[in-house]
Amino acid sequence: MKKDIHPENYRLVAFKDMSNEEVFITKSAAETKENLDVDGVEYPLIKLEISRTSHPFYTGKAKLLDTAGRIDKFKNKYEKFKK
């Protein structure tokens, strides 16, 4: 392992998914300005917009939305190249 390329300030950090209020704790070197109390222990807080608990792929709630007929527009545009 190369020396002096890894951060020295690893510590336990609370990551909070803002879409469903899920909190998980893991090690990180990311800088934070906020703290969160979890089970009586205060951790630095990093807010997330999406995580494994709210991402459609992991929750099984993925939906294919064809807004504005994008798939049909693509097919019509490249129809002339079909043999």
PDB file of N, CA and C in Angstrom:
ATOM      1  N   MET A   1       0.841  -1.175   0.000  1.00  0.00           N
ATOM      2  CA  MET A   1       0.000   0.000   0.000  1.00  0.00           C
ATOM      3  C   MET A   1       0.891   1.245   0.000  1.00  0.00           C
ATOM      4  N   LYS A   2       0.548   2.221  -0.839  1.00  0.00           N
ATOM      5  CA  LYS A   2       1.326   3.460  -0.907  1.00  0.00           C
ATOM      6  C   LYS A   2       1.134   4.273   0.363  1.00  0.00           C
ATOM      7  N   LYS A   3       2.172   4.939   0.775  1.00  0.00           N
ATOM      8  CA  LYS A   3       2.110   5.772   1.978  1.00  0.00           C
ATOM      9  C   LYS A   3       1.615   7.170   1.628  1.00  0.00           C
ATOM     10  N   ASP A   4       0.966   7.805   2.581  1.00  0.00           N
ATOM     11  CA  ASP A   4       0.531   9.204   2.511  1.00  0.00           C
ATOM     12  C   ASP A   4      -0.498   9.494   1.423  1.00  0.00           C
ATOM     13  N   ILE A   5      -1.272   8.507   0.976  1.00  0.00           N
ATOM     14  CA  ILE A   5      -2.327   8.805   0.004  1.00  0.00           C
ATOM     15  C   ILE A   5      -3.722   8.588   0.601  1.00  0.00           C
ATOM     16  N   HIS A   6      -3.814   7.981   1.750  1.00  0.00           N
ATOM     17  CA  HIS A   6      -5.101   7.718   2.374  1.00  0.00           C
ATOM     18  C   HIS A   6      -5.356   8.712   3.499  1.00  0.00           C
ATOM     19  N   PRO A   7      -6.609   9.169   3.662  1.00  0.00           N
ATOM     20  CA  PRO A   7      -6.908  10.127   4.728  1.00  0.00           C
ATOM     21  C   PRO A   7      -6.705   9.515   6.106  1.00  0.00           C
ATOM     22  N   GLU A   8      -6.345  10.356   7.028  1.00  0.00           N
ATOM     23  CA  GLU A   8      -6.092   9.910   8.398  1.00  0.00           C
ATOM     24  C   GLU A   8      -7.304  10.131   9.315  1.00  0.00           C
ATOM     25  N   ASN A   9      -8.308  10.857   8.833  1.00  0.00           N
ATOM     26  CA  ASN A   9      -9.401  11.252   9.716  1.00  0.00           C
ATOM     27  C   ASN A   9     -10.652  10.382   9.560  1.00  0.00           C
ATOM     28  N   TYR A  10     -10.496   9.077   9.376  1.00  0.00           N
ATOM     29  CA  TYR A  10     -11.652   8.183   9.340  1.00  0.00           C
ATOM     30  C   TYR A  10     -12.302   8.143  10.709  1.00  0.00           C
ATOM     31  N   ARG A  11     -13.628   8.223  10.714  1.00  0.00           N
ATOM     32  CA  ARG A  11     -14.378   8.141  11.956  1.00  0.00           C
ATOM     33  C   ARG A  11     -15.779   7.650  11.631  1.00  0.00           C
ATOM     34  N   LEU A  12     -16.527   7.272  12.638  1.00  0.00           N
ATOM     35  CA  LEU A  12     -17.911   6.849  12.419  1.00  0.00           C
ATOM     36  C   LEU A  12     -18.766   8.059  12.102  1.00  0.00           C
ATOM     37  N   VAL A  13     -19.593   7.933  11.057  1.00  0.00           N
ATOM     38  CA  VAL A  13     -20.443   9.021  10.589  1.00  0.00           C
ATOM     39  C   VAL A  13     -21.847   8.467  10.368  1.00  0.00           C
ATOM     40  N   ALA A  14     -22.870   9.269  10.692  1.00  0.00           N
ATOM     41  CA  ALA A  14     -24.259   8.891  10.437  1.00  0.00           C
ATOM     42  C   ALA A  14     -24.673   9.436   9.077  1.00  0.00           C
ATOM     43  N   PHE A  15     -25.181   8.561   8.216  1.00  0.00           N
ATOM     44  CA  PHE A  15     -25.718   8.952   6.916  1.00  0.00           C
ATOM     45  C   PHE A  15     -27.234   8.866   7.018  1.00  0.00           C
ATOM     46  N   LYS A  16     -27.932   9.940   6.652  1.00  0.00           N
ATOM     47  CA  LYS A  16     -29.387   9.979   6.773  1.00  0.00           C
ATOM     48  C   LYS A  16     -30.010  10.186   5.400  1.00  0.00           C
ATOM     49  N   ASP A  17     -30.862   9.249   5.007  1.00  0.00           N
ATOM     50  CA  ASP A  17     -31.612   9.348   3.759  1.00  0.00           C
ATOM     51  C   ASP A  17     -32.783  10.290   4.019  1.00  0.00           C
ATOM     52  N   MET A  18     -32.796  11.440   3.368  1.00  0.00           N
ATOM     53  CA  MET A  18     -33.811  12.448   3.645  1.00  0.00           C
ATOM     54  C   MET A  18     -35.176  12.089   3.069  1.00  0.00           C
ATOM     55  N   SER A  19     -35.242  11.145   2.138  1.00  0.00           N
ATOM     56  CA  SER A  19     -36.528  10.790   1.553  1.00  0.00           C
ATOM     57  C   SER A  19     -37.341   9.860   2.450  1.00  0.00           C
ATOM     58  N   ASN A  20     -36.683   9.076   3.302  1.00  0.00           N
ATOM     59  CA  ASN A  20     -37.437   8.174   4.185  1.00  0.00           C
ATOM     60  C   ASN A  20     -36.920   8.168   5.621  1.00  0.00           C
ATOM     61  N   GLU A  21     -36.024   9.083   5.956  1.00  0.00           N
ATOM     62  CA  GLU A  21     -35.514   9.264   7.325  1.00  0.00           C
ATOM     63  C   GLU A  21     -34.711   8.079   7.853  1.00  0.00           C
ATOM     64  N   GLU A  22     -34.279   7.177   6.988  1.00  0.00           N
ATOM     65  CA  GLU A  22     -33.457   6.026   7.392  1.00  0.00           C
ATOM     66  C   GLU A  22     -32.049   6.516   7.737  1.00  0.00           C
ATOM     67  N   VAL A  23     -31.467   6.000   8.810  1.00  0.00           N
ATOM     68  CA  VAL A  23     -30.119   6.387   9.242  1.00  0.00           C
ATOM     69  C   VAL A  23     -29.256   5.137   9.330  1.00  0.00           C
ATOM     70  N   PHE A  24     -28.044   5.214   8.781  1.00  0.00           N
ATOM     71  CA  PHE A  24     -27.080   4.135   8.966  1.00  0.00           C
ATOM     72  C   PHE A  24     -25.733   4.741   9.288  1.00  0.00           C
ATOM     73  N   ILE A  25     -24.930   3.984  10.008  1.00  0.00           N
ATOM     74  CA  ILE A  25     -23.640   4.477  10.495  1.00  0.00           C
ATOM     75  C   ILE A  25     -22.530   3.654   9.873  1.00  0.00           C
ATOM     76  N   THR A  26     -21.527   4.358   9.364  1.00  0.00           N
ATOM     77  CA  THR A  26     -20.359   3.710   8.783  1.00  0.00           C
ATOM     78  C   THR A  26     -19.173   4.662   8.898  1.00  0.00           C
ATOM     79  N   LYS A  27     -17.999   4.191   8.561  1.00  0.00           N
ATOM     80  CA  LYS A  27     -16.821   5.041   8.631  1.00  0.00           C
ATOM     81  C   LYS A  27     -16.715   5.912   7.388  1.00  0.00           C
ATOM     82  N   SER A  28     -16.248   7.139   7.580  1.00  0.00           N
ATOM     83  CA  SER A  28     -16.068   8.077   6.487  1.00  0.00           C
ATOM     84  C   SER A  28     -15.053   9.138   6.870  1.00  0.00           C
ATOM     85  N   ALA A  29     -14.469   9.754   5.860  1.00  0.00           N
ATOM     86  CA  ALA A  29     -13.554  10.864   6.081  1.00  0.00           C
ATOM     87  C   ALA A  29     -14.159  12.175   5.580  1.00  0.00           C
ATOM     88  N   ALA A  30     -15.424  12.140   5.149  1.00  0.00           N
ATOM     89  CA  ALA A  30     -16.101  13.329   4.629  1.00  0.00           C
ATOM     90  C   ALA A  30     -16.295  14.366   5.730  1.00  0.00           C
ATOM     91  N   GLU A  31     -16.143  15.629   5.355  1.00  0.00           N
ATOM     92  CA  GLU A  31     -16.314  16.728   6.301  1.00  0.00           C
ATOM     93  C   GLU A  31     -17.800  17.044   6.468  1.00  0.00           C
ATOM     94  N   THR A  32     -18.207  17.325   7.690  1.00  0.00           N
ATOM     95  CA  THR A  32     -19.596  17.677   7.972  1.00  0.00           C
ATOM     96  C   THR A  32     -19.655  18.849   8.930  1.00  0.00           C
ATOM     97  N   LYS A  33     -20.792  19.538   8.918  1.00  0.00           N
ATOM     98  CA  LYS A  33     -20.996  20.649   9.845  1.00  0.00           C
ATOM     99  C   LYS A  33     -22.111  20.354  10.833  1.00  0.00           C
ATOM    100  N   GLU A  34     -22.885  19.289  10.571  1.00  0.00           N
ATOM    101  CA  GLU A  34     -24.015  18.948  11.432  1.00  0.00           C
ATOM    102  C   GLU A  34     -23.736  17.653  12.183  1.00  0.00           C
ATOM    103  N   ASN A  35     -24.445  17.481  13.295  1.00  0.00           N
ATOM    104  CA  ASN A  35     -24.339  16.267  14.094  1.00  0.00           C
ATOM    105  C   ASN A  35     -25.723  15.680  14.303  1.00  0.00           C
ATOM    106  N   LEU A  36     -25.769  14.375  14.594  1.00  0.00           N
ATOM    107  CA  LEU A  36     -27.019  13.684  14.837  1.00  0.00           C
ATOM    108  C   LEU A  36     -26.836  12.736  16.015  1.00  0.00           C
ATOM    109  N   ASP A  37     -27.821  12.737  16.916  1.00  0.00           N
ATOM    110  CA  ASP A  37     -27.780  11.840  18.067  1.00  0.00           C
ATOM    111  C   ASP A  37     -28.480  10.532  17.707  1.00  0.00           C
ATOM    112  N   VAL A  38     -27.727   9.422  17.756  1.00  0.00           N
ATOM    113  CA  VAL A  38     -28.274   8.095  17.466  1.00  0.00           C
ATOM    114  C   VAL A  38     -28.015   7.211  18.684  1.00  0.00           C
ATOM    115  N   ASP A  39     -29.084   6.779  19.321  1.00  0.00           N
ATOM    116  CA  ASP A  39     -29.001   5.911  20.502  1.00  0.00           C
ATOM    117  C   ASP A  39     -28.100   6.490  21.590  1.00  0.00           C
ATOM    118  N   GLY A  40     -28.202   7.802  21.797  1.00  0.00           N
ATOM    119  CA  GLY A  40     -27.443   8.454  22.854  1.00  0.00           C
ATOM    120  C   GLY A  40     -26.007   8.799  22.502  1.00  0.00           C
ATOM    121  N   VAL A  41     -25.589   8.518  21.270  1.00  0.00           N
ATOM    122  CA  VAL A  41     -24.233   8.840  20.822  1.00  0.00           C
ATOM    123  C   VAL A  41     -24.333   9.854  19.687  1.00  0.00           C
ATOM    124  N   GLU A  42     -23.523  10.899  19.758  1.00  0.00           N
ATOM    125  CA  GLU A  42     -23.557  11.937  18.734  1.00  0.00           C
ATOM    126  C   GLU A  42     -22.549  11.628  17.626  1.00  0.00           C
ATOM    127  N   TYR A  43     -23.038  11.632  16.381  1.00  0.00           N
ATOM    128  CA  TYR A  43     -22.201  11.354  15.211  1.00  0.00           C
ATOM    129  C   TYR A  43     -22.264  12.537  14.249  1.00  0.00           C
ATOM    130  N   PRO A  44     -21.197  12.770  13.491  1.00  0.00           N
ATOM    131  CA  PRO A  44     -21.287  13.741  12.401  1.00  0.00           C
ATOM    132  C   PRO A  44     -22.345  13.249  11.406  1.00  0.00           C
ATOM    133  N   LEU A  45     -23.093  14.170  10.796  1.00  0.00           N
ATOM    134  CA  LEU A  45     -24.216  13.814   9.929  1.00  0.00           C
ATOM    135  C   LEU A  45     -23.936  14.183   8.477  1.00  0.00           C
ATOM    136  N   ILE A  46     -24.209  13.229   7.579  1.00  0.00           N
ATOM    137  CA  ILE A  46     -24.176  13.485   6.142  1.00  0.00           C
ATOM    138  C   ILE A  46     -25.558  13.150   5.612  1.00  0.00           C
ATOM    139  N   LYS A  47     -26.190  14.129   4.944  1.00  0.00           N
ATOM    140  CA  LYS A  47     -27.541  13.943   4.420  1.00  0.00           C
ATOM    141  C   LYS A  47     -27.469  13.423   2.983  1.00  0.00           C
ATOM    142  N   LEU A  48     -28.307  12.425   2.694  1.00  0.00           N
ATOM    143  CA  LEU A  48     -28.369  11.830   1.366  1.00  0.00           C
ATOM    144  C   LEU A  48     -29.751  12.043   0.767  1.00  0.00           C
ATOM    145  N   GLU A  49     -29.811  12.220  -0.555  1.00  0.00           N
ATOM    146  CA  GLU A  49     -31.103  12.316  -1.224  1.00  0.00           C
ATOM    147  C   GLU A  49     -31.687  10.935  -1.484  1.00  0.00           C
ATOM    148  N   ILE A  50     -30.819   9.957  -1.704  1.00  0.00           N
ATOM    149  CA  ILE A  50     -31.270   8.605  -2.009  1.00  0.00           C
ATOM    150  C   ILE A  50     -30.231   7.624  -1.489  1.00  0.00           C
ATOM    151  N   SER A  51     -30.692   6.484  -1.018  1.00  0.00           N
ATOM    152  CA  SER A  51     -29.782   5.451  -0.511  1.00  0.00           C
ATOM    153  C   SER A  51     -30.346   4.085  -0.873  1.00  0.00           C
ATOM    154  N   ARG A  52     -29.739   3.050  -0.361  1.00  0.00           N
ATOM    155  CA  ARG A  52     -30.194   1.689  -0.662  1.00  0.00           C
ATOM    156  C   ARG A  52     -31.603   1.436  -0.142  1.00  0.00           C
ATOM    157  N   THR A  53     -32.051   2.200   0.831  1.00  0.00           N
ATOM    158  CA  THR A  53     -33.386   1.984   1.394  1.00  0.00           C
ATOM    159  C   THR A  53     -34.485   2.704   0.624  1.00  0.00           C
ATOM    160  N   SER A  54     -34.107   3.609  -0.292  1.00  0.00           N
ATOM    161  CA  SER A  54     -35.132   4.329  -1.051  1.00  0.00           C
ATOM    162  C   SER A  54     -34.931   4.255  -2.565  1.00  0.00           C
ATOM    163  N   HIS A  55     -33.825   3.681  -3.021  1.00  0.00           N
ATOM    164  CA  HIS A  55     -33.563   3.592  -4.455  1.00  0.00           C
ATOM    165  C   HIS A  55     -34.502   2.560  -5.085  1.00  0.00           C
ATOM    166  N   PRO A  56     -35.161   2.897  -6.188  1.00  0.00           N
ATOM    167  CA  PRO A  56     -36.123   1.973  -6.800  1.00  0.00           C
ATOM    168  C   PRO A  56     -35.534   0.612  -7.168  1.00  0.00           C
ATOM    169  N   PHE A  57     -34.290   0.551  -7.555  1.00  0.00           N
ATOM    170  CA  PHE A  57     -33.693  -0.737  -7.926  1.00  0.00           C
ATOM    171  C   PHE A  57     -33.637  -1.678  -6.727  1.00  0.00           C
ATOM    172  N   TYR A  58     -33.252  -1.157  -5.574  1.00  0.00           N
ATOM    173  CA  TYR A  58     -33.103  -1.997  -4.388  1.00  0.00           C
ATOM    174  C   TYR A  58     -34.422  -2.279  -3.682  1.00  0.00           C
ATOM    175  N   THR A  59     -35.395  -1.383  -3.844  1.00  0.00           N
ATOM    176  CA  THR A  59     -36.677  -1.577  -3.177  1.00  0.00           C
ATOM    177  C   THR A  59     -37.637  -2.410  -4.015  1.00  0.00           C
ATOM    178  N   GLY A  60     -37.319  -2.626  -5.295  1.00  0.00           N
ATOM    179  CA  GLY A  60     -38.184  -3.398  -6.173  1.00  0.00           C
ATOM    180  C   GLY A  60     -39.363  -2.617  -6.705  1.00  0.00           C
ATOM    181  N   LYS A  61     -39.336  -1.318  -6.571  1.00  0.00           N
ATOM    182  CA  LYS A  61     -40.434  -0.476  -7.032  1.00  0.00           C
ATOM    183  C   LYS A  61     -40.066   0.286  -8.295  1.00  0.00           C
ATOM    184  N   ALA A  62     -39.141  -0.259  -9.067  1.00  0.00           N
ATOM    185  CA  ALA A  62     -38.715   0.407 -10.298  1.00  0.00           C
ATOM    186  C   ALA A  62     -39.838   0.373 -11.318  1.00  0.00           C
ATOM    187  N   LYS A  63     -40.021   1.483 -11.999  1.00  0.00           N
ATOM    188  CA  LYS A  63     -41.054   1.593 -13.018  1.00  0.00           C
ATOM    189  C   LYS A  63     -40.432   2.184 -14.276  1.00  0.00           C
ATOM    190  N   LEU A  64     -40.881   1.714 -15.407  1.00  0.00           N
ATOM    191  CA  LEU A  64     -40.433   2.272 -16.678  1.00  0.00           C
ATOM    192  C   LEU A  64     -41.447   3.320 -17.093  1.00  0.00           C
ATOM    193  N   LEU A  65     -41.031   4.568 -17.109  1.00  0.00           N
ATOM    194  CA  LEU A  65     -41.909   5.658 -17.502  1.00  0.00           C
ATOM    195  C   LEU A  65     -41.483   6.169 -18.861  1.00  0.00           C
ATOM    196  N   ASP A  66     -42.401   6.161 -19.800  1.00  0.00           N
ATOM    197  CA  ASP A  66     -42.118   6.667 -21.130  1.00  0.00           C
ATOM    198  C   ASP A  66     -42.814   8.016 -21.277  1.00  0.00           C
ATOM    199  N   THR A  67     -42.267   9.025 -20.613  1.00  0.00           N
ATOM    200  CA  THR A  67     -42.875  10.339 -20.677  1.00  0.00           C
ATOM    201  C   THR A  67     -42.594  10.962 -22.025  1.00  0.00           C
ATOM    202  N   ALA A  68     -43.593  11.552 -22.579  1.00  0.00           N
ATOM    203  CA  ALA A  68     -43.529  12.244 -23.866  1.00  0.00           C
ATOM    204  C   ALA A  68     -43.159  11.309 -25.010  1.00  0.00           C
ATOM    205  N   GLY A  69     -43.391   9.999 -24.871  1.00  0.00           N
ATOM    206  CA  GLY A  69     -43.159   9.059 -25.963  1.00  0.00           C
ATOM    207  C   GLY A  69     -41.729   9.003 -26.445  1.00  0.00           C
ATOM    208  N   ARG A  70     -40.772   9.086 -25.561  1.00  0.00           N
ATOM    209  CA  ARG A  70     -39.356   9.105 -25.953  1.00  0.00           C
ATOM    210  C   ARG A  70     -38.943   7.857 -26.715  1.00  0.00           C
ATOM    211  N   ILE A  71     -39.462   6.721 -26.314  1.00  0.00           N
ATOM    212  CA  ILE A  71     -39.090   5.479 -26.987  1.00  0.00           C
ATOM    213  C   ILE A  71     -39.634   5.484 -28.412  1.00  0.00           C
ATOM    214  N   ASP A  72     -40.884   5.914 -28.567  1.00  0.00           N
ATOM    215  CA  ASP A  72     -41.465   5.986 -29.914  1.00  0.00           C
ATOM    216  C   ASP A  72     -40.735   6.993 -30.789  1.00  0.00           C
ATOM    217  N   LYS A  73     -40.348   8.120 -30.237  1.00  0.00           N
ATOM    218  CA  LYS A  73     -39.591   9.121 -31.005  1.00  0.00           C
ATOM    219  C   LYS A  73     -38.267   8.535 -31.482  1.00  0.00           C
ATOM    220  N   PHE A  74     -37.594   7.803 -30.602  1.00  0.00           N
ATOM    221  CA  PHE A  74     -36.316   7.182 -30.966  1.00  0.00           C
ATOM    222  C   PHE A  74     -36.520   6.176 -32.095  1.00  0.00           C
ATOM    223  N   LYS A  75     -37.528   5.316 -31.954  1.00  0.00           N
ATOM    224  CA  LYS A  75     -37.790   4.304 -32.977  1.00  0.00           C
ATOM    225  C   LYS A  75     -38.122   4.951 -34.314  1.00  0.00           C
ATOM    226  N   ASN A  76     -38.942   5.983 -34.307  1.00  0.00           N
ATOM    227  CA  ASN A  76     -39.311   6.658 -35.557  1.00  0.00           C
ATOM    228  C   ASN A  76     -38.116   7.353 -36.203  1.00  0.00           C
ATOM    229  N   LYS A  77     -37.254   7.913 -35.403  1.00  0.00           N
ATOM    230  CA  LYS A  77     -36.085   8.625 -35.914  1.00  0.00           C
ATOM    231  C   LYS A  77     -35.132   7.681 -36.644  1.00  0.00           C
ATOM    232  N   TYR A  78     -34.968   6.489 -36.107  1.00  0.00           N
ATOM    233  CA  TYR A  78     -33.998   5.540 -36.674  1.00  0.00           C
ATOM    234  C   TYR A  78     -34.656   4.452 -37.512  1.00  0.00           C
ATOM    235  N   GLU A  79     -35.944   4.587 -37.790  1.00  0.00           N
ATOM    236  CA  GLU A  79     -36.662   3.627 -38.634  1.00  0.00           C
ATOM    237  C   GLU A  79     -36.068   3.574 -40.038  1.00  0.00           C
ATOM    238  N   LYS A  80     -35.600   4.704 -40.541  1.00  0.00           N
ATOM    239  CA  LYS A  80     -35.070   4.780 -41.916  1.00  0.00           C
ATOM    240  C   LYS A  80     -33.765   3.985 -42.087  1.00  0.00           C
ATOM    241  N   PHE A  81     -33.102   3.644 -41.010  1.00  0.00           N
ATOM    242  CA  PHE A  81     -31.832   2.909 -41.103  1.00  0.00           C
ATOM    243  C   PHE A  81     -32.029   1.403 -41.063  1.00  0.00           C
ATOM    244  N   LYS A  82     -33.261   0.951 -40.859  1.00  0.00           N
ATOM    245  CA  LYS A  82     -33.544  -0.477 -40.841  1.00  0.00           C
ATOM    246  C   LYS A  82     -33.382  -1.055 -42.244  1.00  0.00           C
ATOM    247  N   LYS A  83     -32.937  -2.268 -42.342  1.00  0.00           N
ATOM    248  CA  LYS A  83     -32.784  -2.915 -43.647  1.00  0.00           C
ATOM    249  C   LYS A  83     -34.007  -3.718 -43.983  1.00  0.00           C
TER     250      LYS A  83
END
